[in-house]
Amino acid sequence: MNYNNEMLFPAVKIVFALILVAAALGVVLYFMKRILQKKSIGTKGKMIEVLGTSYIGVKKSILIVDVLGAILVLGVTNENITLLTKIDNRESAGDDPPADRGLHGQID
């Protein structure tokens, strides 16, 4: 009978210590996540936001991307990412076709 009590107490201590360490780790991770979210720049914690994508071929697409407030039009292939143009004002990024906005063939 005494042998069981001697084995039970160290086992309870080990389980309690593991629970305590897991809880402490959870608290640290929670606060680290909150601190890192506050330091990020941009809308809703995002520095880069994809505004639109148009696929023009196999593994080829054109993306409109907002990077820290600058709107970029990027050509993306399997091997390269190329800056096609930069849109300076948000009003010109409306629903009009690119030729109507004066962006046709323009590369900055």
Protein backbone atom coordinates (compact mmCIF):
# COMPACT_ATOMS: atom_id res chain seq x y z
CA MET A 1 0.00 0.00 0.00
CA ASN A 2 2.81 2.37 0.86
CA TYR A 3 4.46 1.57 -2.48
CA ASN A 4 1.44 2.91 -4.44
CA ASN A 5 1.44 6.19 -2.51
CA GLU A 6 5.13 6.66 -3.19
CA MET A 7 4.52 6.26 -6.96
CA LEU A 8 1.35 8.35 -7.09
CA PHE A 9 2.74 11.56 -5.59
CA PRO A 10 5.65 12.01 -8.09
CA ALA A 11 3.32 11.22 -11.00
CA VAL A 12 0.86 13.91 -9.86
CA LYS A 13 3.72 16.40 -9.48
CA ILE A 14 4.94 15.66 -13.04
CA VAL A 15 1.45 16.04 -14.55
CA PHE A 16 0.87 19.28 -12.64
CA ALA A 17 4.26 20.64 -13.78
CA LEU A 18 3.46 19.80 -17.43
CA ILE A 19 0.09 21.56 -17.20
CA LEU A 20 1.76 24.60 -15.63
CA VAL A 21 4.44 24.77 -18.34
CA ALA A 22 1.82 24.40 -21.12
CA ALA A 23 -0.30 27.18 -19.61
CA ALA A 24 2.72 29.49 -19.28
CA LEU A 25 3.68 28.80 -22.90
CA GLY A 26 0.13 29.57 -24.03
CA VAL A 27 0.15 32.90 -22.18
CA VAL A 28 3.51 33.88 -23.68
CA LEU A 29 2.36 32.99 -27.22
CA TYR A 30 -0.88 34.94 -26.76
CA PHE A 31 0.94 38.13 -25.72
CA MET A 32 3.60 37.75 -28.42
CA LYS A 33 0.89 37.51 -31.06
CA ARG A 34 -0.82 40.65 -29.76
CA ILE A 35 2.46 42.59 -29.61
CA LEU A 36 3.45 41.57 -33.15
CA GLN A 37 0.03 42.52 -34.55
CA LYS A 38 0.29 46.03 -33.10
CA LYS A 39 3.68 46.62 -34.77
CA SER A 40 2.51 45.69 -38.28
CA ILE A 41 1.83 48.42 -40.85
CA GLY A 42 -1.04 48.69 -43.27
CA THR A 43 -4.74 47.93 -43.31
CA LYS A 44 -5.85 45.26 -40.89
CA GLY A 45 -2.24 44.29 -40.19
CA LYS A 46 -1.47 43.63 -43.87
CA MET A 47 1.44 45.35 -45.58
CA ILE A 48 0.60 43.75 -48.94
CA GLU A 49 -2.94 43.23 -50.23
CA VAL A 50 -3.87 41.70 -53.59
CA LEU A 51 -6.69 43.82 -55.02
CA GLY A 52 -7.27 41.79 -58.17
CA THR A 53 -5.93 38.98 -60.34
CA SER A 54 -6.42 38.22 -64.02
CA TYR A 55 -5.04 35.01 -65.50
CA ILE A 56 -3.79 35.43 -69.07
CA GLY A 57 -2.25 32.03 -69.66
CA VAL A 58 -0.82 28.93 -68.06
CA LYS A 59 1.07 30.12 -64.97
CA LYS A 60 0.82 33.74 -66.24
CA SER A 61 -1.23 36.44 -64.57
CA ILE A 62 -1.55 40.15 -63.97
CA LEU A 63 -2.01 41.32 -60.39
CA ILE A 64 -3.07 44.64 -58.93
CA VAL A 65 -1.40 44.91 -55.54
CA ASP A 66 -1.56 47.50 -52.76
CA VAL A 67 1.83 47.74 -51.05
CA LEU A 68 1.77 50.21 -48.14
CA GLY A 69 -0.65 52.46 -50.05
CA ALA A 70 1.06 52.28 -53.45
CA ILE A 71 -0.94 50.49 -56.13
CA LEU A 72 1.24 48.34 -58.40
CA VAL A 73 0.33 46.39 -61.53
CA LEU A 74 2.52 43.29 -61.72
CA GLY A 75 3.04 40.71 -64.43
CA VAL A 76 3.65 37.31 -62.86
CA THR A 77 4.98 34.19 -64.59
CA ASN A 78 6.50 30.98 -63.31
CA GLU A 79 10.00 32.50 -63.40
CA ASN A 80 9.55 36.28 -63.04
CA ILE A 81 7.61 39.08 -61.40
CA THR A 82 7.68 42.30 -63.44
CA LEU A 83 6.42 45.75 -62.49
CA LEU A 84 4.17 46.80 -65.38
CA THR A 85 3.09 50.16 -63.98
CA LYS A 86 2.39 52.06 -60.80
CA ILE A 87 -0.99 53.74 -60.32
CA ASP A 88 -0.46 57.05 -58.56
CA ASN A 89 -4.00 57.93 -57.48
CA ARG A 90 -6.70 55.58 -56.24
CA GLU A 91 -9.42 57.24 -58.35
CA SER A 92 -7.78 55.98 -61.54
CA ALA A 93 -7.98 52.41 -60.24
CA GLY A 94 -11.75 52.31 -60.84
CA ASP A 95 -13.73 50.11 -63.22
CA ASP A 96 -12.72 51.92 -66.43
CA PRO A 97 -10.61 50.01 -68.98
CA PRO A 98 -6.86 50.83 -68.90
CA ALA A 99 -6.94 52.57 -72.31
CA ASP A 100 -9.52 55.05 -70.99
CA ARG A 101 -7.31 55.90 -68.02
CA GLY A 102 -4.23 56.65 -70.10
CA LEU A 103 -2.25 53.67 -68.75
CA HIS A 104 -1.96 51.76 -72.04
CA GLY A 105 1.70 51.08 -72.74
CA GLN A 106 2.88 53.27 -69.85
CA ILE A 107 5.69 51.86 -67.71
CA ASP A 108 7.22 53.79 -64.82
